[in-house]
C-alpha atoms as a PDB file:
ATOM      1  CA  MET A   1     132.123   8.325  49.560  1.00  0.00           C
ATOM      2  CA  SER A   2     129.456  10.475  47.877  1.00  0.00           C
ATOM      3  CA  SER A   3     131.695  13.568  47.897  1.00  0.00           C
ATOM      4  CA  TRP A   4     134.463  11.489  46.322  1.00  0.00           C
ATOM      5  CA  CYS A   5     132.092  10.394  43.545  1.00  0.00           C
ATOM      6  CA  LYS A   6     130.963  13.964  42.894  1.00  0.00           C
ATOM      7  CA  GLY A   7     134.541  15.202  42.777  1.00  0.00           C
ATOM      8  CA  TYR A   8     135.496  12.393  40.421  1.00  0.00           C
ATOM      9  CA  ILE A   9     132.518  13.051  38.148  1.00  0.00           C
ATOM     10  CA  ASP A  10     133.250  16.810  38.107  1.00  0.00           C
ATOM     11  CA  GLU A  11     136.875  16.088  37.211  1.00  0.00           C
ATOM     12  CA  ARG A  12     135.886  13.705  34.403  1.00  0.00           C
ATOM     13  CA  ILE A  13     133.385  16.196  32.967  1.00  0.00           C
ATOM     14  CA  ALA A  14     136.066  18.903  33.000  1.00  0.00           C
ATOM     15  CA  TYR A  15     138.594  16.553  31.385  1.00  0.00           C
ATOM     16  CA  LYS A  16     136.257  15.262  28.659  1.00  0.00           C
ATOM     17  CA  SER A  17     134.821  18.692  27.880  1.00  0.00           C
ATOM     18  CA  GLU A  18     138.311  20.149  27.464  1.00  0.00           C
ATOM     19  CA  LEU A  19     139.379  17.169  25.374  1.00  0.00           C
ATOM     20  CA  ASN A  20     136.383  17.663  23.056  1.00  0.00           C
ATOM     21  CA  ASN A  21     136.431  21.472  23.110  1.00  0.00           C
ATOM     22  CA  VAL A  22     133.022  21.700  24.819  1.00  0.00           C
ATOM     23  CA  GLU A  23     132.118  24.529  27.188  1.00  0.00           C
ATOM     24  CA  VAL A  24     130.601  23.530  30.541  1.00  0.00           C
ATOM     25  CA  THR A  25     128.232  25.953  32.248  1.00  0.00           C
ATOM     26  CA  TYR A  26     127.092  25.464  35.831  1.00  0.00           C
ATOM     27  CA  ILE A  27     123.507  26.534  36.536  1.00  0.00           C
ATOM     28  CA  ASN A  28     121.708  27.210  39.823  1.00  0.00           C
ATOM     29  CA  PRO A  29     119.009  24.497  39.806  1.00  0.00           C
ATOM     30  CA  ALA A  30     116.618  26.199  42.267  1.00  0.00           C
ATOM     31  CA  TYR A  31     113.017  25.935  41.029  1.00  0.00           C
ATOM     32  CA  THR A  32     113.960  24.703  37.533  1.00  0.00           C
ATOM     33  CA  SER A  33     111.668  21.698  37.904  1.00  0.00           C
ATOM     34  CA  GLN A  34     108.923  23.565  39.766  1.00  0.00           C
ATOM     35  CA  ILE A  35     108.106  26.471  37.440  1.00  0.00           C
ATOM     36  CA  CYS A  36     106.455  26.413  34.042  1.00  0.00           C
ATOM     37  CA  SER A  37     108.905  27.065  31.212  1.00  0.00           C
ATOM     38  CA  GLU A  38     106.196  28.877  29.221  1.00  0.00           C
ATOM     39  CA  CYS A  39     104.521  31.214  31.719  1.00  0.00           C
ATOM     40  CA  GLY A  40     106.836  31.112  34.761  1.00  0.00           C
ATOM     41  CA  MET A  41     104.089  30.116  37.206  1.00  0.00           C
ATOM     42  CA  LEU A  42     104.749  27.692  40.036  1.00  0.00           C
ATOM     43  CA  GLY A  43     103.353  24.285  39.129  1.00  0.00           C
ATOM     44  CA  LYS A  44     103.513  20.720  40.367  1.00  0.00           C
ATOM     45  CA  ARG A  45     105.795  17.934  39.253  1.00  0.00           C
ATOM     46  CA  ASN A  46     104.375  14.435  39.523  1.00  0.00           C
ATOM     47  CA  PHE A  47     107.096  12.014  38.450  1.00  0.00           C
ATOM     48  CA  LYS A  48     107.339  12.485  34.644  1.00  0.00           C
ATOM     49  CA  VAL A  49     104.510  15.022  34.332  1.00  0.00           C
ATOM     50  CA  PHE A  50     104.631  18.729  35.093  1.00  0.00           C
ATOM     51  CA  ILE A  51     101.241  20.365  35.657  1.00  0.00           C
ATOM     52  CA  CYS A  52     100.724  24.115  35.210  1.00  0.00           C
ATOM     53  CA  GLU A  53      97.280  25.528  36.028  1.00  0.00           C
ATOM     54  CA  LYS A  54      97.591  27.956  33.115  1.00  0.00           C
ATOM     55  CA  CYS A  55      99.408  25.921  30.435  1.00  0.00           C
ATOM     56  CA  GLY A  56      98.354  22.366  31.268  1.00  0.00           C
ATOM     57  CA  ARG A  57     100.370  19.168  31.372  1.00  0.00           C
ATOM     58  CA  LYS A  58     103.806  18.651  29.847  1.00  0.00           C
ATOM     59  CA  ASP A  59     106.810  16.392  30.110  1.00  0.00           C
ATOM     60  CA  ALA A  60     108.524  17.294  33.397  1.00  0.00           C
ATOM     61  CA  ASP A  61     112.075  16.701  32.173  1.00  0.00           C
ATOM     62  CA  ARG A  62     111.611  18.832  29.041  1.00  0.00           C
ATOM     63  CA  ASN A  63     110.064  21.598  31.131  1.00  0.00           C
ATOM     64  CA  ALA A  64     113.009  21.579  33.539  1.00  0.00           C
ATOM     65  CA  ALA A  65     115.514  21.453  30.657  1.00  0.00           C
ATOM     66  CA  LYS A  66     113.928  24.533  29.068  1.00  0.00           C
ATOM     67  CA  ASN A  67     114.156  26.356  32.405  1.00  0.00           C
ATOM     68  CA  ILE A  68     117.822  25.388  32.740  1.00  0.00           C
ATOM     69  CA  LEU A  69     118.518  26.695  29.241  1.00  0.00           C
ATOM     70  CA  LYS A  70     116.821  30.008  30.100  1.00  0.00           C
ATOM     71  CA  ARG A  71     118.698  30.229  33.413  1.00  0.00           C
ATOM     72  CA  LYS A  72     122.006  30.148  31.527  1.00  0.00           C
ATOM     73  CA  ASP A  73     121.381  33.697  30.283  1.00  0.00           C
ATOM     74  CA  MET A  74     120.100  35.118  33.579  1.00  0.00           C
ATOM     75  CA  LYS A  75     123.013  37.141  34.929  1.00  0.00           C
ATOM     76  CA  ASN A  76     121.220  37.966  38.201  1.00  0.00           C
ATOM     77  CA  ILE A  77     121.016  34.280  39.220  1.00  0.00           C
ATOM     78  CA  THR A  78     124.417  32.686  39.726  1.00  0.00           C
ATOM     79  CA  VAL A  79     125.391  29.283  41.073  1.00  0.00           C
ATOM     80  CA  TYR A  80     125.851  30.967  44.455  1.00  0.00           C
ATOM     81  CA  THR A  81     122.465  32.730  44.635  1.00  0.00           C
ATOM     82  CA  SER A  82     120.473  31.392  47.574  1.00  0.00           C
ATOM     83  CA  VAL A  83     117.195  29.547  46.990  1.00  0.00           C
ATOM     84  CA  LYS A  84     115.348  32.367  48.764  1.00  0.00           C
ATOM     85  CA  ASN A  85     116.878  34.991  46.485  1.00  0.00           C
ATOM     86  CA  VAL A  86     116.142  32.894  43.388  1.00  0.00           C
ATOM     87  CA  LYS A  87     112.518  32.752  44.509  1.00  0.00           C
ATOM     88  CA  ASN A  88     112.444  36.544  44.913  1.00  0.00           C
ATOM     89  CA  ILE A  89     114.136  37.196  41.563  1.00  0.00           C
ATOM     90  CA  LEU A  90     111.682  34.903  39.763  1.00  0.00           C
ATOM     91  CA  GLY A  91     108.748  36.498  41.574  1.00  0.00           C
ATOM     92  CA  ILE A  92     107.448  33.213  42.937  1.00  0.00           C
ATOM     93  CA  VAL A  93     104.824  33.588  45.659  1.00  0.00           C
END
């Protein structure tokens, strides 16, 4: 059932984006909610708050959204890059 829903949602996004002339870009989500969008350090997400030891507290969803936007331009991280390789590319220890 869940795979049917995902397939249906993917199909509807493709249909609506084409209908409205909107480009869809798929992003590898690995670590987008766990790293700071300002300094790139590994932080902690606690529900709606992201905590970075260097930069402080910020809205977790905005932080992740900024990381997703940055990831769009990273040619060395594709949708198919493994989580381990994403970690290595980002230099997360």
